[in-house]
């Protein structure tokens, strides 16, 4: 049921090109088939205090990690020619665009959609469409602000929405929900 990739970025500062971690979870047949997760060394290895508190990352955690350009070839392979879902996709796609622009890199072709839109359509009574959908409706425990855990949570939303609607095709799911899939 449904083949797609879910992505999540965490940023080190308020600047979007300062990604400190990124995760992709590939879904094939409604199950996690592959995942990619890495920490990224921000410029100057400078973290704001909130980042250390929220993400639990320190300079030591990323001392040997590559910069974004170093992780991009492998990350790009997970995204190319795929449908990619993200929670608040405008933020995550904005981070990706900023990181690519900052490093002079070109993106592969893929389409993306927002799990917020999917969750709002399927479960309109929920207030927070990731925390409440995953924690409350789906009864899944996950660590918010951990890129890999958040990517898994984002992946669960369209799969469960599809089961709720009785569909096994992502295109049908997005059409039935009236969710736009945007090209990147």
N, C-alpha and C. Protein backbone atom coordinates (compact mmCIF):
# COMPACT_ATOMS: atom_id res chain seq x y z
N UNK A 1 0.83 -1.19 0.00
CA UNK A 1 0.00 0.00 0.00
C UNK A 1 0.87 1.24 0.00
N UNK A 2 0.73 2.07 -0.97
CA UNK A 2 1.34 3.40 -1.07
C UNK A 2 2.86 3.40 -0.96
N UNK A 3 3.51 3.84 -2.01
CA UNK A 3 4.95 4.02 -2.02
C UNK A 3 5.26 5.51 -2.04
N UNK A 4 6.03 5.96 -1.07
CA UNK A 4 6.41 7.37 -1.00
C UNK A 4 7.56 7.50 -0.02
N UNK A 5 8.08 8.70 0.15
CA UNK A 5 9.13 8.96 1.13
C UNK A 5 8.66 10.07 2.06
N UNK A 6 8.96 9.96 3.34
CA UNK A 6 8.66 11.02 4.30
C UNK A 6 9.98 11.63 4.74
N UNK A 7 10.00 12.97 4.84
CA UNK A 7 11.24 13.67 5.16
C UNK A 7 11.03 14.61 6.32
N UNK A 8 12.08 14.80 7.13
CA UNK A 8 12.03 15.81 8.19
C UNK A 8 13.40 16.43 8.36
N UNK A 9 13.41 17.75 8.49
CA UNK A 9 14.62 18.50 8.77
C UNK A 9 14.52 19.12 10.16
N UNK A 10 15.64 19.17 10.86
CA UNK A 10 15.75 20.01 12.06
C UNK A 10 16.84 21.03 11.77
N UNK A 11 16.63 22.27 12.22
CA UNK A 11 17.59 23.33 11.95
C UNK A 11 18.32 23.74 13.21
N UNK A 12 19.55 24.20 13.04
CA UNK A 12 20.40 24.54 14.17
C UNK A 12 20.17 25.97 14.66
N UNK A 13 19.75 26.83 13.77
CA UNK A 13 19.50 28.23 14.12
C UNK A 13 18.21 28.65 13.43
N UNK A 14 17.91 29.93 13.53
CA UNK A 14 16.71 30.44 12.86
C UNK A 14 16.88 30.49 11.35
N UNK A 15 18.13 30.37 10.86
CA UNK A 15 18.37 30.42 9.42
C UNK A 15 18.07 29.06 8.81
N UNK A 16 17.33 29.08 7.70
CA UNK A 16 16.87 27.81 7.12
C UNK A 16 17.98 26.96 6.54
N UNK A 17 19.11 27.58 6.17
CA UNK A 17 20.17 26.76 5.57
C UNK A 17 21.07 26.11 6.63
N UNK A 18 20.67 26.21 7.89
CA UNK A 18 21.49 25.66 8.97
C UNK A 18 20.94 24.31 9.45
N UNK A 19 20.61 23.43 8.51
CA UNK A 19 20.09 22.11 8.89
C UNK A 19 21.10 21.39 9.75
N UNK A 20 20.65 20.82 10.87
CA UNK A 20 21.56 20.07 11.74
C UNK A 20 21.28 18.58 11.70
N UNK A 21 20.08 18.21 11.24
CA UNK A 21 19.80 16.79 11.04
C UNK A 21 18.71 16.64 10.00
N UNK A 22 18.74 15.52 9.32
CA UNK A 22 17.74 15.24 8.29
C UNK A 22 17.50 13.74 8.27
N UNK A 23 16.24 13.37 8.05
CA UNK A 23 15.89 11.95 7.95
C UNK A 23 14.89 11.75 6.84
N UNK A 24 15.02 10.62 6.16
CA UNK A 24 14.05 10.20 5.15
C UNK A 24 13.64 8.78 5.48
N UNK A 25 12.35 8.53 5.45
CA UNK A 25 11.83 7.18 5.65
C UNK A 25 11.10 6.79 4.37
N UNK A 26 11.53 5.71 3.75
CA UNK A 26 10.88 5.24 2.52
C UNK A 26 9.81 4.22 2.87
N UNK A 27 8.61 4.44 2.32
CA UNK A 27 7.48 3.55 2.55
C UNK A 27 7.18 2.80 1.26
N UNK A 28 7.18 1.48 1.36
CA UNK A 28 6.77 0.64 0.23
C UNK A 28 5.75 -0.36 0.75
N UNK A 29 4.63 -0.44 0.06
CA UNK A 29 3.58 -1.36 0.48
C UNK A 29 3.05 -1.06 1.87
N UNK A 30 3.09 0.24 2.26
CA UNK A 30 2.56 0.63 3.56
C UNK A 30 3.47 0.36 4.74
N UNK A 31 4.73 -0.08 4.48
CA UNK A 31 5.67 -0.38 5.56
C UNK A 31 7.00 0.32 5.31
N UNK A 32 7.75 0.58 6.38
CA UNK A 32 9.07 1.19 6.25
C UNK A 32 10.00 0.20 5.57
N UNK A 33 10.53 0.60 4.41
CA UNK A 33 11.42 -0.27 3.65
C UNK A 33 12.88 0.16 3.79
N UNK A 34 13.09 1.46 4.05
CA UNK A 34 14.46 1.98 4.14
C UNK A 34 14.39 3.29 4.89
N UNK A 35 15.50 3.69 5.48
CA UNK A 35 15.55 5.00 6.13
C UNK A 35 16.96 5.56 6.03
N UNK A 36 17.03 6.88 6.10
CA UNK A 36 18.31 7.58 6.03
C UNK A 36 18.28 8.65 7.10
N UNK A 37 19.33 8.74 7.90
CA UNK A 37 19.38 9.73 8.98
C UNK A 37 20.81 10.18 9.16
N UNK A 38 21.01 11.48 9.31
CA UNK A 38 22.35 11.97 9.57
C UNK A 38 22.29 13.27 10.34
N UNK A 39 23.33 13.52 11.10
CA UNK A 39 23.56 14.83 11.69
C UNK A 39 24.44 15.62 10.74
N UNK A 40 24.27 16.92 10.72
CA UNK A 40 25.03 17.77 9.80
C UNK A 40 25.76 18.84 10.60
N UNK A 41 27.00 19.06 10.24
CA UNK A 41 27.82 20.08 10.87
C UNK A 41 27.42 21.46 10.35
N UNK A 42 26.82 22.31 11.17
CA UNK A 42 26.48 23.66 10.69
C UNK A 42 27.74 24.51 10.54
N UNK A 43 27.67 25.60 9.76
CA UNK A 43 28.83 26.48 9.60
C UNK A 43 29.33 26.97 10.95
N UNK A 44 30.62 26.80 11.19
CA UNK A 44 31.21 27.24 12.44
C UNK A 44 30.82 26.41 13.65
N UNK A 45 30.02 25.37 13.42
CA UNK A 45 29.59 24.49 14.51
C UNK A 45 28.96 25.27 15.66
N UNK A 46 28.18 26.29 15.33
CA UNK A 46 27.57 27.13 16.36
C UNK A 46 26.11 26.74 16.54
N UNK A 47 25.77 26.40 17.76
CA UNK A 47 24.40 26.06 18.09
C UNK A 47 23.83 27.10 19.06
N UNK A 48 22.61 27.49 18.81
CA UNK A 48 21.92 28.31 19.79
C UNK A 48 21.51 27.43 20.96
N UNK A 49 21.36 28.05 22.12
CA UNK A 49 21.06 27.25 23.31
C UNK A 49 19.75 26.47 23.16
N UNK A 50 18.76 27.06 22.48
CA UNK A 50 17.49 26.33 22.33
C UNK A 50 17.68 25.06 21.53
N UNK A 51 18.62 25.08 20.60
CA UNK A 51 18.84 23.89 19.78
C UNK A 51 19.39 22.75 20.61
N UNK A 52 20.32 23.06 21.50
CA UNK A 52 20.87 22.03 22.38
C UNK A 52 19.77 21.48 23.28
N UNK A 53 18.90 22.35 23.76
CA UNK A 53 17.83 21.90 24.65
C UNK A 53 16.79 21.08 23.90
N UNK A 54 16.40 21.55 22.72
CA UNK A 54 15.33 20.88 21.98
C UNK A 54 15.83 19.58 21.35
N UNK A 55 16.96 19.68 20.63
CA UNK A 55 17.42 18.53 19.85
C UNK A 55 18.40 17.65 20.61
N UNK A 56 18.97 18.16 21.71
CA UNK A 56 19.94 17.37 22.46
C UNK A 56 21.25 17.22 21.73
N UNK A 57 21.53 18.10 20.77
CA UNK A 57 22.77 18.02 20.00
C UNK A 57 23.80 18.97 20.57
N UNK A 58 25.04 18.55 20.57
CA UNK A 58 26.14 19.40 21.01
C UNK A 58 27.19 19.43 19.89
N UNK A 59 28.19 20.27 20.05
CA UNK A 59 29.27 20.32 19.06
C UNK A 59 29.93 18.96 18.92
N UNK A 60 30.06 18.25 20.04
CA UNK A 60 30.70 16.94 20.00
C UNK A 60 29.89 15.94 19.17
N UNK A 61 28.56 16.04 19.24
CA UNK A 61 27.71 15.12 18.49
C UNK A 61 27.98 15.19 16.99
N UNK A 62 28.33 16.37 16.51
CA UNK A 62 28.48 16.54 15.06
C UNK A 62 29.92 16.83 14.64
N UNK A 63 30.86 16.57 15.53
CA UNK A 63 32.26 16.92 15.25
C UNK A 63 32.78 16.24 13.99
N UNK A 64 32.32 15.03 13.70
CA UNK A 64 32.80 14.30 12.52
C UNK A 64 31.78 14.23 11.40
N UNK A 65 30.65 14.91 11.56
CA UNK A 65 29.60 14.83 10.55
C UNK A 65 29.94 15.69 9.35
N UNK A 66 29.50 15.32 8.16
CA UNK A 66 29.78 16.12 6.97
C UNK A 66 28.89 17.35 6.91
N UNK A 67 29.21 18.25 6.01
CA UNK A 67 28.31 19.37 5.76
C UNK A 67 27.19 18.89 4.84
N UNK A 68 26.25 19.78 4.54
CA UNK A 68 25.09 19.37 3.75
C UNK A 68 25.51 18.86 2.37
N UNK A 69 26.49 19.50 1.76
CA UNK A 69 26.95 19.05 0.44
C UNK A 69 27.48 17.62 0.50
N UNK A 70 28.07 17.26 1.64
CA UNK A 70 28.61 15.91 1.79
C UNK A 70 27.54 14.83 1.88
N UNK A 71 26.38 15.18 2.43
CA UNK A 71 25.32 14.17 2.58
C UNK A 71 24.35 14.19 1.41
N UNK A 72 24.43 15.23 0.55
CA UNK A 72 23.41 15.41 -0.47
C UNK A 72 23.31 14.27 -1.48
N UNK A 73 24.41 13.70 -2.01
CA UNK A 73 24.26 12.64 -3.02
C UNK A 73 23.40 11.47 -2.52
N UNK A 74 23.64 11.02 -1.29
CA UNK A 74 22.86 9.90 -0.77
C UNK A 74 21.42 10.32 -0.48
N UNK A 75 21.26 11.51 0.07
CA UNK A 75 19.92 12.02 0.35
C UNK A 75 19.12 12.16 -0.95
N UNK A 76 19.75 12.68 -1.99
CA UNK A 76 19.07 12.89 -3.27
C UNK A 76 18.54 11.58 -3.85
N UNK A 77 19.28 10.49 -3.64
CA UNK A 77 18.84 9.19 -4.16
C UNK A 77 17.50 8.76 -3.54
N UNK A 78 17.26 9.16 -2.30
CA UNK A 78 16.01 8.80 -1.63
C UNK A 78 14.84 9.65 -2.11
N UNK A 79 15.13 10.80 -2.74
CA UNK A 79 14.07 11.73 -3.13
C UNK A 79 13.74 11.69 -4.62
N UNK A 80 14.70 11.32 -5.44
CA UNK A 80 14.54 11.43 -6.89
C UNK A 80 13.33 10.66 -7.39
N UNK A 81 12.52 11.35 -8.20
CA UNK A 81 11.35 10.74 -8.85
C UNK A 81 10.37 10.12 -7.86
N UNK A 82 10.25 10.69 -6.68
CA UNK A 82 9.36 10.16 -5.66
C UNK A 82 8.27 11.16 -5.33
N UNK A 83 7.24 10.68 -4.64
CA UNK A 83 6.36 11.57 -3.90
C UNK A 83 6.94 11.65 -2.50
N UNK A 84 7.14 12.87 -2.01
CA UNK A 84 7.73 13.10 -0.70
C UNK A 84 6.69 13.79 0.17
N UNK A 85 6.48 13.29 1.37
CA UNK A 85 5.57 13.95 2.29
C UNK A 85 6.36 14.51 3.46
N UNK A 86 5.91 15.64 3.96
CA UNK A 86 6.53 16.27 5.12
C UNK A 86 5.43 16.95 5.92
N UNK A 87 5.68 17.14 7.19
CA UNK A 87 4.72 17.85 8.02
C UNK A 87 5.07 19.33 7.97
N UNK A 88 4.08 20.15 7.64
CA UNK A 88 4.36 21.55 7.33
C UNK A 88 5.41 21.58 6.23
N UNK A 89 5.07 20.99 5.10
CA UNK A 89 6.02 20.78 4.01
C UNK A 89 6.66 22.08 3.54
N UNK A 90 5.94 23.19 3.68
CA UNK A 90 6.51 24.47 3.26
C UNK A 90 7.80 24.76 4.02
N UNK A 91 7.84 24.43 5.32
CA UNK A 91 9.05 24.64 6.10
C UNK A 91 10.16 23.71 5.63
N UNK A 92 9.87 22.41 5.58
CA UNK A 92 10.91 21.44 5.23
C UNK A 92 11.41 21.62 3.81
N UNK A 93 10.51 21.91 2.87
CA UNK A 93 10.96 22.16 1.51
C UNK A 93 11.73 23.47 1.42
N UNK A 94 11.35 24.44 2.27
CA UNK A 94 12.10 25.69 2.34
C UNK A 94 13.51 25.48 2.85
N UNK A 95 13.65 24.63 3.86
CA UNK A 95 14.98 24.29 4.38
C UNK A 95 15.80 23.61 3.29
N UNK A 96 15.20 22.66 2.59
CA UNK A 96 15.91 21.95 1.53
C UNK A 96 16.36 22.92 0.44
N UNK A 97 15.45 23.79 0.00
CA UNK A 97 15.82 24.78 -1.03
C UNK A 97 16.97 25.67 -0.56
N UNK A 98 16.89 26.13 0.70
CA UNK A 98 17.92 27.02 1.23
C UNK A 98 19.27 26.31 1.31
N UNK A 99 19.26 25.05 1.76
CA UNK A 99 20.51 24.28 1.85
C UNK A 99 21.11 24.05 0.46
N UNK A 100 20.28 23.72 -0.50
CA UNK A 100 20.75 23.50 -1.87
C UNK A 100 21.34 24.79 -2.45
N UNK A 101 20.60 25.89 -2.27
CA UNK A 101 21.06 27.18 -2.79
C UNK A 101 22.39 27.59 -2.13
N UNK A 102 22.47 27.41 -0.81
CA UNK A 102 23.66 27.79 -0.05
C UNK A 102 24.89 27.01 -0.54
N UNK A 103 24.69 25.76 -0.96
CA UNK A 103 25.80 24.92 -1.38
C UNK A 103 25.94 24.81 -2.90
N UNK A 104 25.12 25.56 -3.65
CA UNK A 104 25.21 25.54 -5.11
C UNK A 104 24.85 24.19 -5.71
N UNK A 105 23.88 23.50 -5.12
CA UNK A 105 23.50 22.16 -5.57
C UNK A 105 22.16 22.19 -6.29
N UNK A 106 21.96 21.25 -7.20
CA UNK A 106 20.70 21.13 -7.93
C UNK A 106 19.89 19.98 -7.34
N UNK A 107 18.58 20.18 -7.28
CA UNK A 107 17.70 19.15 -6.70
C UNK A 107 17.22 18.19 -7.78
N UNK A 108 16.98 16.93 -7.41
CA UNK A 108 16.34 16.01 -8.34
C UNK A 108 14.87 16.40 -8.48
N UNK A 109 14.21 15.84 -9.45
CA UNK A 109 12.79 16.10 -9.64
C UNK A 109 11.98 15.19 -8.74
N UNK A 110 11.09 15.79 -7.94
CA UNK A 110 10.16 15.00 -7.15
C UNK A 110 8.94 15.87 -6.84
N UNK A 111 7.90 15.25 -6.37
CA UNK A 111 6.69 15.97 -5.97
C UNK A 111 6.51 15.81 -4.48
N UNK A 112 5.91 16.82 -3.85
CA UNK A 112 5.72 16.72 -2.41
C UNK A 112 4.33 17.16 -2.00
N UNK A 113 3.91 16.67 -0.86
CA UNK A 113 2.65 17.13 -0.27
C UNK A 113 2.80 17.17 1.24
N UNK A 114 1.81 17.76 1.88
CA UNK A 114 1.89 18.11 3.28
C UNK A 114 1.01 17.18 4.11
N UNK A 115 1.58 16.55 5.14
CA UNK A 115 0.77 15.69 5.99
C UNK A 115 -0.22 16.49 6.84
N UNK A 116 0.03 17.79 7.02
CA UNK A 116 -0.96 18.63 7.71
C UNK A 116 -2.27 18.61 6.94
N UNK A 117 -2.18 18.78 5.62
CA UNK A 117 -3.38 18.80 4.78
C UNK A 117 -4.10 17.47 4.83
N UNK A 118 -3.34 16.37 4.80
CA UNK A 118 -3.95 15.04 4.86
C UNK A 118 -4.65 14.84 6.21
N UNK A 119 -3.95 15.20 7.30
CA UNK A 119 -4.52 15.00 8.63
C UNK A 119 -5.75 15.87 8.86
N UNK A 120 -5.71 17.11 8.38
CA UNK A 120 -6.86 18.01 8.54
C UNK A 120 -8.11 17.46 7.86
N UNK A 121 -7.92 16.87 6.69
CA UNK A 121 -9.06 16.33 5.96
C UNK A 121 -9.62 15.07 6.63
N UNK A 122 -8.71 14.20 7.10
CA UNK A 122 -9.16 12.93 7.68
C UNK A 122 -9.65 13.07 9.11
N UNK A 123 -8.96 13.92 9.89
CA UNK A 123 -9.28 14.04 11.32
C UNK A 123 -9.41 15.52 11.69
N UNK A 124 -10.46 16.20 11.23
CA UNK A 124 -10.59 17.65 11.41
C UNK A 124 -10.73 18.10 12.86
N UNK A 125 -11.07 17.20 13.77
CA UNK A 125 -11.26 17.60 15.17
C UNK A 125 -9.94 17.73 15.93
N UNK A 126 -8.84 17.28 15.34
CA UNK A 126 -7.56 17.32 16.04
C UNK A 126 -6.93 18.71 15.93
N UNK A 127 -6.33 19.15 17.02
CA UNK A 127 -5.74 20.49 17.06
C UNK A 127 -4.36 20.53 16.42
N UNK A 128 -3.46 19.68 16.89
CA UNK A 128 -2.11 19.64 16.34
C UNK A 128 -2.03 18.43 15.41
N UNK A 129 -1.84 18.69 14.14
CA UNK A 129 -2.03 17.62 13.16
C UNK A 129 -0.82 16.72 12.98
N UNK A 130 0.18 16.86 13.80
CA UNK A 130 1.19 15.80 13.88
C UNK A 130 1.14 15.17 15.27
N UNK A 131 1.31 15.98 16.30
CA UNK A 131 1.34 15.43 17.65
C UNK A 131 0.03 14.73 17.99
N UNK A 132 -1.10 15.37 17.70
CA UNK A 132 -2.38 14.77 18.05
C UNK A 132 -2.73 13.59 17.14
N UNK A 133 -2.39 13.72 15.84
CA UNK A 133 -2.69 12.61 14.93
C UNK A 133 -1.90 11.38 15.31
N UNK A 134 -0.60 11.56 15.49
CA UNK A 134 0.26 10.41 15.76
C UNK A 134 0.13 9.94 17.20
N UNK A 135 0.20 10.89 18.13
CA UNK A 135 0.15 10.51 19.55
C UNK A 135 -1.25 10.14 20.01
N UNK A 136 -2.24 10.93 19.59
CA UNK A 136 -3.59 10.72 20.06
C UNK A 136 -4.38 9.74 19.23
N UNK A 137 -4.49 10.01 17.94
CA UNK A 137 -5.32 9.18 17.08
C UNK A 137 -4.67 7.83 16.76
N UNK A 138 -3.40 7.87 16.39
CA UNK A 138 -2.72 6.64 15.98
C UNK A 138 -2.06 5.90 17.14
N UNK A 139 -2.01 6.51 18.31
CA UNK A 139 -1.44 5.88 19.50
C UNK A 139 0.00 5.42 19.29
N UNK A 140 0.78 6.26 18.61
CA UNK A 140 2.19 5.97 18.41
C UNK A 140 3.03 6.91 19.27
N UNK A 141 3.99 6.35 19.97
CA UNK A 141 4.91 7.17 20.75
C UNK A 141 6.07 7.58 19.86
N UNK A 142 6.44 8.85 19.90
CA UNK A 142 7.61 9.29 19.15
C UNK A 142 8.23 10.50 19.81
N UNK A 143 9.52 10.73 19.55
CA UNK A 143 10.25 11.85 20.11
C UNK A 143 10.16 13.02 19.13
N UNK A 144 9.35 14.01 19.48
CA UNK A 144 9.20 15.21 18.66
C UNK A 144 10.53 15.95 18.61
N UNK A 145 10.87 16.51 17.47
CA UNK A 145 12.14 17.21 17.20
C UNK A 145 13.32 16.26 17.06
N UNK A 146 13.06 14.99 16.89
CA UNK A 146 14.08 14.05 16.44
C UNK A 146 13.74 13.76 14.99
N UNK A 147 14.65 14.07 14.07
CA UNK A 147 14.33 14.02 12.64
C UNK A 147 13.83 12.64 12.21
N UNK A 148 14.47 11.59 12.67
CA UNK A 148 14.07 10.25 12.24
C UNK A 148 12.70 9.88 12.82
N UNK A 149 12.48 10.18 14.08
CA UNK A 149 11.18 9.89 14.69
C UNK A 149 10.07 10.70 14.03
N UNK A 150 10.35 11.97 13.74
CA UNK A 150 9.35 12.82 13.08
C UNK A 150 9.05 12.32 11.67
N UNK A 151 10.08 11.86 10.95
CA UNK A 151 9.85 11.34 9.60
C UNK A 151 8.98 10.09 9.65
N UNK A 152 9.21 9.22 10.63
CA UNK A 152 8.36 8.03 10.78
C UNK A 152 6.92 8.43 11.10
N UNK A 153 6.77 9.45 11.95
CA UNK A 153 5.43 9.92 12.30
C UNK A 153 4.72 10.48 11.07
N UNK A 154 5.45 11.26 10.27
CA UNK A 154 4.87 11.81 9.04
C UNK A 154 4.48 10.70 8.08
N UNK A 155 5.27 9.64 8.03
CA UNK A 155 4.97 8.52 7.14
C UNK A 155 3.70 7.80 7.57
N UNK A 156 3.46 7.76 8.88
CA UNK A 156 2.29 7.04 9.38
C UNK A 156 0.98 7.71 8.99
N UNK A 157 0.99 9.04 8.86
CA UNK A 157 -0.26 9.77 8.62
C UNK A 157 -0.91 9.40 7.29
N UNK A 158 -0.21 9.49 6.14
CA UNK A 158 -0.88 9.11 4.89
C UNK A 158 -1.22 7.63 4.80
N UNK A 159 -0.39 6.76 5.40
CA UNK A 159 -0.70 5.33 5.36
C UNK A 159 -2.01 5.06 6.11
N UNK A 160 -2.13 5.65 7.31
CA UNK A 160 -3.35 5.44 8.10
C UNK A 160 -4.55 6.15 7.48
N UNK A 161 -4.33 7.31 6.86
CA UNK A 161 -5.43 7.98 6.16
C UNK A 161 -5.92 7.10 5.01
N UNK A 162 -4.99 6.47 4.31
CA UNK A 162 -5.35 5.58 3.22
C UNK A 162 -6.18 4.40 3.70
N UNK A 163 -5.79 3.83 4.83
CA UNK A 163 -6.54 2.71 5.39
C UNK A 163 -7.93 3.16 5.82
N UNK A 164 -7.99 4.36 6.38
CA UNK A 164 -9.28 4.89 6.83
C UNK A 164 -10.22 5.08 5.65
N UNK A 165 -9.66 5.53 4.52
CA UNK A 165 -10.48 5.78 3.34
C UNK A 165 -10.62 4.54 2.47
N UNK A 166 -9.88 3.48 2.82
CA UNK A 166 -9.98 2.24 2.05
C UNK A 166 -9.31 2.33 0.69
N UNK A 167 -8.25 3.12 0.57
CA UNK A 167 -7.54 3.23 -0.71
C UNK A 167 -6.12 2.71 -0.56
N UNK A 168 -5.57 2.18 -1.64
CA UNK A 168 -4.20 1.69 -1.59
C UNK A 168 -3.30 2.43 -2.58
N UNK A 169 -3.75 3.59 -3.05
CA UNK A 169 -2.99 4.33 -4.04
C UNK A 169 -2.82 5.77 -3.58
N UNK A 170 -1.58 6.24 -3.56
CA UNK A 170 -1.32 7.59 -3.04
C UNK A 170 -1.99 8.66 -3.89
N UNK A 171 -1.99 8.49 -5.21
CA UNK A 171 -2.63 9.48 -6.08
C UNK A 171 -4.13 9.57 -5.81
N UNK A 172 -4.76 8.41 -5.61
CA UNK A 172 -6.19 8.39 -5.29
C UNK A 172 -6.43 9.05 -3.94
N UNK A 173 -5.55 8.74 -2.98
CA UNK A 173 -5.67 9.33 -1.65
C UNK A 173 -5.63 10.86 -1.72
N UNK A 174 -4.62 11.39 -2.40
CA UNK A 174 -4.50 12.84 -2.46
C UNK A 174 -5.66 13.46 -3.24
N UNK A 175 -6.15 12.77 -4.26
CA UNK A 175 -7.29 13.28 -5.03
C UNK A 175 -8.55 13.28 -4.17
N UNK A 176 -8.80 12.18 -3.47
CA UNK A 176 -9.99 12.08 -2.63
C UNK A 176 -9.99 13.10 -1.50
N UNK A 177 -8.79 13.42 -1.00
CA UNK A 177 -8.69 14.38 0.10
C UNK A 177 -8.62 15.82 -0.41
N UNK A 178 -8.45 15.98 -1.69
CA UNK A 178 -8.29 17.33 -2.23
C UNK A 178 -6.96 17.95 -1.86
N UNK A 179 -5.94 17.12 -1.64
CA UNK A 179 -4.61 17.60 -1.28
C UNK A 179 -3.80 17.81 -2.53
N UNK A 180 -3.17 18.96 -2.63
CA UNK A 180 -2.34 19.23 -3.80
C UNK A 180 -0.97 18.60 -3.66
N UNK A 181 -0.51 17.95 -4.70
CA UNK A 181 0.87 17.45 -4.76
C UNK A 181 1.64 18.43 -5.63
N UNK A 182 2.69 19.03 -5.06
CA UNK A 182 3.40 20.09 -5.76
C UNK A 182 4.73 19.56 -6.28
N UNK A 183 5.14 19.99 -7.48
CA UNK A 183 6.47 19.58 -7.98
C UNK A 183 7.54 20.38 -7.28
N UNK A 184 8.68 19.76 -7.03
CA UNK A 184 9.82 20.46 -6.43
C UNK A 184 10.81 20.77 -7.54
